[in-house]
All heavy atoms as atom14 arrays in JSON, in Angstrom:
{
  "sequence": "QAERVFGRVEAELLLIESQFSLHTDSALVRLNRDG",
  "atom14_mask": [
    [1, 1, 1, 1, 1, 1, 1, 1, 1, 0, 0, 0, 0, 0],
    [1, 1, 1, 1, 1, 0, 0, 0, 0, 0, 0, 0, 0, 0],
    [1, 1, 1, 1, 1, 1, 1, 1, 1, 0, 0, 0, 0, 0],
    [1, 1, 1, 1, 1, 1, 1, 1, 1, 1, 1, 0, 0, 0],
    [1, 1, 1, 1, 1, 1, 1, 0, 0, 0, 0, 0, 0, 0],
    [1, 1, 1, 1, 1, 1, 1, 1, 1, 1, 1, 0, 0, 0],
    [1, 1, 1, 1, 0, 0, 0, 0, 0, 0, 0, 0, 0, 0],
    [1, 1, 1, 1, 1, 1, 1, 1, 1, 1, 1, 0, 0, 0],
    [1, 1, 1, 1, 1, 1, 1, 0, 0, 0, 0, 0, 0, 0],
    [1, 1, 1, 1, 1, 1, 1, 1, 1, 0, 0, 0, 0, 0],
    [1, 1, 1, 1, 1, 0, 0, 0, 0, 0, 0, 0, 0, 0],
    [1, 1, 1, 1, 1, 1, 1, 1, 1, 0, 0, 0, 0, 0],
    [1, 1, 1, 1, 1, 1, 1, 1, 0, 0, 0, 0, 0, 0],
    [1, 1, 1, 1, 1, 1, 1, 1, 0, 0, 0, 0, 0, 0],
    [1, 1, 1, 1, 1, 1, 1, 1, 0, 0, 0, 0, 0, 0],
    [1, 1, 1, 1, 1, 1, 1, 1, 0, 0, 0, 0, 0, 0],
    [1, 1, 1, 1, 1, 1, 1, 1, 1, 0, 0, 0, 0, 0],
    [1, 1, 1, 1, 1, 1, 0, 0, 0, 0, 0, 0, 0, 0],
    [1, 1, 1, 1, 1, 1, 1, 1, 1, 0, 0, 0, 0, 0],
    [1, 1, 1, 1, 1, 1, 1, 1, 1, 1, 1, 0, 0, 0],
    [1, 1, 1, 1, 1, 1, 0, 0, 0, 0, 0, 0, 0, 0],
    [1, 1, 1, 1, 1, 1, 1, 1, 0, 0, 0, 0, 0, 0],
    [1, 1, 1, 1, 1, 1, 1, 1, 1, 1, 0, 0, 0, 0],
    [1, 1, 1, 1, 1, 1, 1, 0, 0, 0, 0, 0, 0, 0],
    [1, 1, 1, 1, 1, 1, 1, 1, 0, 0, 0, 0, 0, 0],
    [1, 1, 1, 1, 1, 1, 0, 0, 0, 0, 0, 0, 0, 0],
    [1, 1, 1, 1, 1, 0, 0, 0, 0, 0, 0, 0, 0, 0],
    [1, 1, 1, 1, 1, 1, 1, 1, 0, 0, 0, 0, 0, 0],
    [1, 1, 1, 1, 1, 1, 1, 0, 0, 0, 0, 0, 0, 0],
    [1, 1, 1, 1, 1, 1, 1, 1, 1, 1, 1, 0, 0, 0],
    [1, 1, 1, 1, 1, 1, 1, 1, 0, 0, 0, 0, 0, 0],
    [1, 1, 1, 1, 1, 1, 1, 1, 0, 0, 0, 0, 0, 0],
    [1, 1, 1, 1, 1, 1, 1, 1, 1, 1, 1, 0, 0, 0],
    [1, 1, 1, 1, 1, 1, 1, 1, 0, 0, 0, 0, 0, 0],
    [1, 1, 1, 1, 0, 0, 0, 0, 0, 0, 0, 0, 0, 0]
  ],
  "atom14_positions": [
    [[6.35, 23.02, -4.41], [5.3, 22.31, -5.15], [5.6, 20.8, -5.17], [4.72, 19.94, -4.97], [5.15, 22.81, -6.56], [4.03, 22.18, -7.36], [4.07, 22.65, -8.81], [5.07, 23.15, -9.32], [2.91, 22.49, -9.48], [0.0, 0.0, 0.0], [0.0, 0.0, 0.0], [0.0, 0.0, 0.0], [0.0, 0.0, 0.0], [0.0, 0.0, 0.0]],
    [[6.89, 20.46, -5.42], [7.27, 19.07, -5.48], [7.12, 18.37, -4.11], [6.65, 17.22, -4.04], [8.74, 18.95, -5.94], [0.0, 0.0, 0.0], [0.0, 0.0, 0.0], [0.0, 0.0, 0.0], [0.0, 0.0, 0.0], [0.0, 0.0, 0.0], [0.0, 0.0, 0.0], [0.0, 0.0, 0.0], [0.0, 0.0, 0.0], [0.0, 0.0, 0.0]],
    [[7.44, 19.06, -3.03], [7.25, 18.49, -1.74], [5.83, 18.12, -1.47], [5.51, 17.03, -0.92], [7.77, 19.47, -0.66], [7.71, 18.88, 0.72], [8.34, 19.83, 1.76], [8.69, 20.96, 1.4], [8.41, 19.44, 2.92], [0.0, 0.0, 0.0], [0.0, 0.0, 0.0], [0.0, 0.0, 0.0], [0.0, 0.0, 0.0], [0.0, 0.0, 0.0]],
    [[4.86, 19.03, -1.86], [3.43, 18.65, -1.74], [3.02, 17.47, -2.52], [2.36, 16.54, -2.05], [2.61, 19.87, -2.12], [1.11, 19.67, -2.02], [0.3, 20.82, -2.55], [0.62, 21.02, -3.96], [-0.01, 20.31, -4.94], [-0.83, 19.35, -4.65], [0.3, 20.57, -6.2], [0.0, 0.0, 0.0], [0.0, 0.0, 0.0], [0.0, 0.0, 0.0]],
    [[3.4, 17.44, -3.85], [2.97, 16.36, -4.69], [3.65, 15.05, -4.29], [3.03, 13.97, -4.38], [3.2, 16.71, -6.16], [4.62, 16.59, -6.58], [2.32, 15.81, -7.07], [0.0, 0.0, 0.0], [0.0, 0.0, 0.0], [0.0, 0.0, 0.0], [0.0, 0.0, 0.0], [0.0, 0.0, 0.0], [0.0, 0.0, 0.0], [0.0, 0.0, 0.0]],
    [[4.89, 15.12, -3.85], [5.55, 13.86, -3.46], [5.0, 13.35, -2.18], [5.02, 12.13, -1.9], [7.06, 14.12, -3.3], [7.79, 14.3, -4.62], [8.87, 15.05, -4.73], [7.32, 13.59, -5.75], [9.54, 15.2, -5.96], [7.94, 13.76, -6.99], [9.06, 14.58, -7.06], [0.0, 0.0, 0.0], [0.0, 0.0, 0.0], [0.0, 0.0, 0.0]],
    [[4.41, 14.19, -1.32], [3.65, 13.68, -0.18], [2.46, 12.84, -0.62], [2.15, 11.82, -0.01], [0.0, 0.0, 0.0], [0.0, 0.0, 0.0], [0.0, 0.0, 0.0], [0.0, 0.0, 0.0], [0.0, 0.0, 0.0], [0.0, 0.0, 0.0], [0.0, 0.0, 0.0], [0.0, 0.0, 0.0], [0.0, 0.0, 0.0], [0.0, 0.0, 0.0]],
    [[1.75, 13.3, -1.7], [0.64, 12.52, -2.2], [1.15, 11.18, -2.84], [0.5, 10.17, -2.77], [-0.1, 13.34, -3.27], [-0.84, 14.53, -2.71], [-1.9, 14.99, -3.71], [-2.88, 13.92, -3.99], [-3.7, 13.91, -5.02], [-3.7, 14.91, -5.88], [-4.51, 12.93, -5.22], [0.0, 0.0, 0.0], [0.0, 0.0, 0.0], [0.0, 0.0, 0.0]],
    [[2.32, 11.29, -3.48], [2.91, 10.06, -4.03], [3.18, 9.01, -2.93], [2.83, 7.85, -3.06], [4.21, 10.4, -4.8], [5.01, 9.12, -5.07], [3.9, 11.13, -6.12], [0.0, 0.0, 0.0], [0.0, 0.0, 0.0], [0.0, 0.0, 0.0], [0.0, 0.0, 0.0], [0.0, 0.0, 0.0], [0.0, 0.0, 0.0], [0.0, 0.0, 0.0]],
    [[3.75, 9.45, -1.87], [4.04, 8.54, -0.78], [2.83, 7.93, -0.2], [2.73, 6.75, 0.17], [4.86, 9.3, 0.32], [6.25, 9.62, -0.17], [7.02, 10.52, 0.8], [6.48, 10.79, 1.91], [8.15, 10.95, 0.5], [0.0, 0.0, 0.0], [0.0, 0.0, 0.0], [0.0, 0.0, 0.0], [0.0, 0.0, 0.0], [0.0, 0.0, 0.0]],
    [[1.74, 8.74, -0.02], [0.49, 8.2, 0.44], [-0.09, 7.13, -0.51], [-0.61, 6.14, -0.07], [-0.53, 9.36, 0.66], [0.0, 0.0, 0.0], [0.0, 0.0, 0.0], [0.0, 0.0, 0.0], [0.0, 0.0, 0.0], [0.0, 0.0, 0.0], [0.0, 0.0, 0.0], [0.0, 0.0, 0.0], [0.0, 0.0, 0.0], [0.0, 0.0, 0.0]],
    [[0.02, 7.38, -1.81], [-0.48, 6.41, -2.79], [0.34, 5.13, -2.77], [-0.2, 4.04, -2.86], [-0.45, 7.0, -4.22], [-1.02, 6.11, -5.3], [-2.51, 5.93, -5.21], [-3.17, 6.66, -4.41], [-3.02, 5.04, -5.91], [0.0, 0.0, 0.0], [0.0, 0.0, 0.0], [0.0, 0.0, 0.0], [0.0, 0.0, 0.0], [0.0, 0.0, 0.0]],
    [[1.65, 5.24, -2.57], [2.48, 4.04, -2.45], [2.13, 3.24, -1.25], [2.15, 2.0, -1.3], [3.96, 4.46, -2.44], [4.5, 5.01, -3.76], [5.91, 5.5, -3.61], [4.45, 3.96, -4.88], [0.0, 0.0, 0.0], [0.0, 0.0, 0.0], [0.0, 0.0, 0.0], [0.0, 0.0, 0.0], [0.0, 0.0, 0.0], [0.0, 0.0, 0.0]],
    [[1.83, 3.89, -0.15], [1.44, 3.18, 1.09], [0.15, 2.47, 0.82], [-0.11, 1.36, 1.33], [1.35, 4.13, 2.24], [2.68, 4.65, 2.79], [2.46, 5.7, 3.81], [3.48, 3.48, 3.43], [0.0, 0.0, 0.0], [0.0, 0.0, 0.0], [0.0, 0.0, 0.0], [0.0, 0.0, 0.0], [0.0, 0.0, 0.0], [0.0, 0.0, 0.0]],
    [[-0.8, 3.08, 0.04], [-2.05, 2.43, -0.27], [-1.79, 1.19, -1.14], [-2.42, 0.14, -0.91], [-2.99, 3.4, -0.97], [-4.32, 2.84, -1.5], [-5.12, 2.28, -0.36], [-5.07, 3.9, -2.25], [0.0, 0.0, 0.0], [0.0, 0.0, 0.0], [0.0, 0.0, 0.0], [0.0, 0.0, 0.0], [0.0, 0.0, 0.0], [0.0, 0.0, 0.0]],
    [[-0.91, 1.33, -2.12], [-0.58, 0.19, -2.97], [0.01, -0.94, -2.12], [-0.31, -2.14, -2.29], [0.39, 0.61, -4.08], [-0.32, 1.57, -5.03], [0.94, -0.59, -4.79], [0.63, 2.32, -5.93], [0.0, 0.0, 0.0], [0.0, 0.0, 0.0], [0.0, 0.0, 0.0], [0.0, 0.0, 0.0], [0.0, 0.0, 0.0], [0.0, 0.0, 0.0]],
    [[0.9, -0.6, -1.2], [1.48, -1.56, -0.31], [0.43, -2.26, 0.5], [0.45, -3.5, 0.72], [2.44, -0.89, 0.62], [3.21, -1.78, 1.57], [4.37, -2.51, 0.88], [4.66, -2.18, -0.27], [4.95, -3.38, 1.55], [0.0, 0.0, 0.0], [0.0, 0.0, 0.0], [0.0, 0.0, 0.0], [0.0, 0.0, 0.0], [0.0, 0.0, 0.0]],
    [[-0.57, -1.53, 0.97], [-1.65, -2.13, 1.74], [-2.56, -3.02, 0.97], [-3.31, -3.83, 1.52], [-2.49, -0.99, 2.37], [-3.38, -0.4, 1.43], [0.0, 0.0, 0.0], [0.0, 0.0, 0.0], [0.0, 0.0, 0.0], [0.0, 0.0, 0.0], [0.0, 0.0, 0.0], [0.0, 0.0, 0.0], [0.0, 0.0, 0.0], [0.0, 0.0, 0.0]],
    [[-2.46, -2.98, -0.36], [-3.24, -3.85, -1.2], [-2.5, -5.08, -1.69], [-3.08, -6.18, -1.71], [-3.79, -3.04, -2.41], [-4.72, -1.95, -2.03], [-5.03, -0.99, -3.19], [-4.18, -0.84, -4.09], [-6.18, -0.38, -3.17], [0.0, 0.0, 0.0], [0.0, 0.0, 0.0], [0.0, 0.0, 0.0], [0.0, 0.0, 0.0], [0.0, 0.0, 0.0]],
    [[-1.21, -4.92, -2.08], [-0.51, -6.02, -2.86], [0.73, -6.58, -2.21], [1.35, -7.48, -2.74], [-0.26, -5.52, -4.27], [-1.47, -5.09, -4.98], [-1.68, -3.79, -5.43], [-2.44, -6.1, -5.34], [-2.81, -3.44, -6.09], [-3.58, -5.7, -6.0], [-3.78, -4.39, -6.4], [0.0, 0.0, 0.0], [0.0, 0.0, 0.0], [0.0, 0.0, 0.0]],
    [[1.17, -6.02, -1.08], [2.44, -6.5, -0.46], [2.21, -7.91, 0.06], [1.11, -8.25, 0.6], [2.88, -5.61, 0.61], [3.96, -6.19, 1.37], [0.0, 0.0, 0.0], [0.0, 0.0, 0.0], [0.0, 0.0, 0.0], [0.0, 0.0, 0.0], [0.0, 0.0, 0.0], [0.0, 0.0, 0.0], [0.0, 0.0, 0.0], [0.0, 0.0, 0.0]],
    [[3.23, -8.74, 0.02], [3.18, -10.09, 0.68], [3.92, -10.0, 2.08], [4.01, -11.01, 2.74], [3.88, -11.11, -0.15], [3.09, -11.63, -1.4], [3.98, -12.52, -2.22], [1.87, -12.41, -0.93], [0.0, 0.0, 0.0], [0.0, 0.0, 0.0], [0.0, 0.0, 0.0], [0.0, 0.0, 0.0], [0.0, 0.0, 0.0], [0.0, 0.0, 0.0]],
    [[4.26, -8.83, 2.45], [5.07, -8.69, 3.72], [4.47, -7.75, 4.74], [5.11, -7.36, 5.71], [6.52, -8.21, 3.34], [7.14, -9.16, 2.34], [7.61, -10.4, 2.62], [7.32, -8.99, 0.98], [8.09, -11.0, 1.53], [7.91, -10.14, 0.55], [0.0, 0.0, 0.0], [0.0, 0.0, 0.0], [0.0, 0.0, 0.0], [0.0, 0.0, 0.0]],
    [[3.25, -7.33, 4.51], [2.51, -6.56, 5.51], [1.09, -7.15, 5.59], [0.76, -8.1, 4.82], [2.38, -5.07, 5.1], [1.62, -4.98, 3.92], [3.78, -4.46, 4.91], [0.0, 0.0, 0.0], [0.0, 0.0, 0.0], [0.0, 0.0, 0.0], [0.0, 0.0, 0.0], [0.0, 0.0, 0.0], [0.0, 0.0, 0.0], [0.0, 0.0, 0.0]],
    [[0.27, -6.62, 6.46], [-1.11, -7.12, 6.57], [-1.94, -6.51, 5.5], [-2.85, -5.74, 5.74], [-1.71, -6.84, 7.97], [-3.08, -7.45, 8.17], [-3.34, -8.49, 7.53], [-3.91, -6.85, 8.91], [0.0, 0.0, 0.0], [0.0, 0.0, 0.0], [0.0, 0.0, 0.0], [0.0, 0.0, 0.0], [0.0, 0.0, 0.0], [0.0, 0.0, 0.0]],
    [[-1.63, -6.83, 4.25], [-2.28, -6.25, 3.09], [-3.52, -7.03, 2.72], [-3.79, -8.11, 3.26], [-1.31, -6.28, 1.88], [-1.06, -7.63, 1.48], [0.0, 0.0, 0.0], [0.0, 0.0, 0.0], [0.0, 0.0, 0.0], [0.0, 0.0, 0.0], [0.0, 0.0, 0.0], [0.0, 0.0, 0.0], [0.0, 0.0, 0.0], [0.0, 0.0, 0.0]],
    [[-4.3, -6.46, 1.8], [-5.46, -7.17, 1.3], [-5.09, -8.51, 0.68], [-5.79, -9.56, 0.86], [-6.2, -6.31, 0.28], [0.0, 0.0, 0.0], [0.0, 0.0, 0.0], [0.0, 0.0, 0.0], [0.0, 0.0, 0.0], [0.0, 0.0, 0.0], [0.0, 0.0, 0.0], [0.0, 0.0, 0.0], [0.0, 0.0, 0.0], [0.0, 0.0, 0.0]],
    [[-3.93, -8.56, 0.0], [-3.49, -9.82, -0.58], [-3.12, -10.85, 0.47], [-3.49, -12.02, 0.34], [-2.26, -9.54, -1.52], [-1.65, -10.78, -2.2], [-2.66, -11.51, -3.05], [-0.45, -10.34, -3.02], [0.0, 0.0, 0.0], [0.0, 0.0, 0.0], [0.0, 0.0, 0.0], [0.0, 0.0, 0.0], [0.0, 0.0, 0.0], [0.0, 0.0, 0.0]],
    [[-2.44, -10.42, 1.53], [-2.08, -11.33, 2.6], [-3.38, -11.88, 3.26], [-3.45, -13.05, 3.58], [-1.19, -10.66, 3.6], [-1.1, -11.44, 4.93], [0.22, -10.42, 3.05], [0.0, 0.0, 0.0], [0.0, 0.0, 0.0], [0.0, 0.0, 0.0], [0.0, 0.0, 0.0], [0.0, 0.0, 0.0], [0.0, 0.0, 0.0], [0.0, 0.0, 0.0]],
    [[-4.32, -11.04, 3.45], [-5.58, -11.51, 4.06], [-6.34, -12.48, 3.15], [-6.91, -13.5, 3.63], [-6.47, -10.31, 4.44], [-5.87, -9.42, 5.51], [-6.89, -8.42, 6.09], [-7.42, -7.53, 5.07], [-6.88, -6.38, 4.67], [-5.66, -6.03, 5.21], [-7.42, -5.62, 3.78], [0.0, 0.0, 0.0], [0.0, 0.0, 0.0], [0.0, 0.0, 0.0]],
    [[-6.3, -12.21, 1.83], [-6.9, -13.12, 0.9], [-6.21, -14.5, 0.94], [-6.9, -15.54, 1.01], [-6.84, -12.54, -0.51], [-7.27, -13.49, -1.67], [-8.72, -13.89, -1.5], [-7.02, -12.75, -2.98], [0.0, 0.0, 0.0], [0.0, 0.0, 0.0], [0.0, 0.0, 0.0], [0.0, 0.0, 0.0], [0.0, 0.0, 0.0], [0.0, 0.0, 0.0]],
    [[-4.93, -14.49, 0.95], [-4.15, -15.74, 1.02], [-4.42, -16.5, 2.33], [-4.49, -17.73, 2.34], [-2.64, -15.46, 0.86], [-2.28, -15.11, -0.59], [-3.03, -15.28, -1.54], [-1.06, -14.57, -0.74], [0.0, 0.0, 0.0], [0.0, 0.0, 0.0], [0.0, 0.0, 0.0], [0.0, 0.0, 0.0], [0.0, 0.0, 0.0], [0.0, 0.0, 0.0]],
    [[-4.55, -15.74, 3.42], [-4.74, -16.39, 4.69], [-6.2, -16.91, 4.9], [-6.34, -18.02, 5.33], [-4.47, -15.33, 5.81], [-4.62, -15.81, 7.24], [-4.59, -14.69, 8.17], [-5.74, -13.77, 7.99], [-5.7, -12.47, 8.19], [-4.56, -11.88, 8.64], [-6.79, -11.72, 8.0], [0.0, 0.0, 0.0], [0.0, 0.0, 0.0], [0.0, 0.0, 0.0]],
    [[-7.15, -16.13, 4.48], [-8.57, -16.46, 4.71], [-9.22, -17.17, 3.57], [-10.31, -17.74, 3.76], [-9.33, -15.17, 5.08], [-8.75, -14.45, 6.25], [-8.09, -15.07, 7.09], [-8.95, -13.22, 6.35], [0.0, 0.0, 0.0], [0.0, 0.0, 0.0], [0.0, 0.0, 0.0], [0.0, 0.0, 0.0], [0.0, 0.0, 0.0], [0.0, 0.0, 0.0]],
    [[-8.65, -17.09, 2.39], [-9.24, -17.69, 1.24], [-10.36, -16.88, 0.57], [-10.97, -17.29, -0.4], [0.0, 0.0, 0.0], [0.0, 0.0, 0.0], [0.0, 0.0, 0.0], [0.0, 0.0, 0.0], [0.0, 0.0, 0.0], [0.0, 0.0, 0.0], [0.0, 0.0, 0.0], [0.0, 0.0, 0.0], [0.0, 0.0, 0.0], [0.0, 0.0, 0.0]]
  ]
}
């Protein structure tokens, strides 16, 4: 059960990274680049 739910946790963390990281092509990086 934990393996299944932790898979969902990892997917959510990757989504958070795609939104707020300054070190990937995230939404925040695109906002800073494009204004």
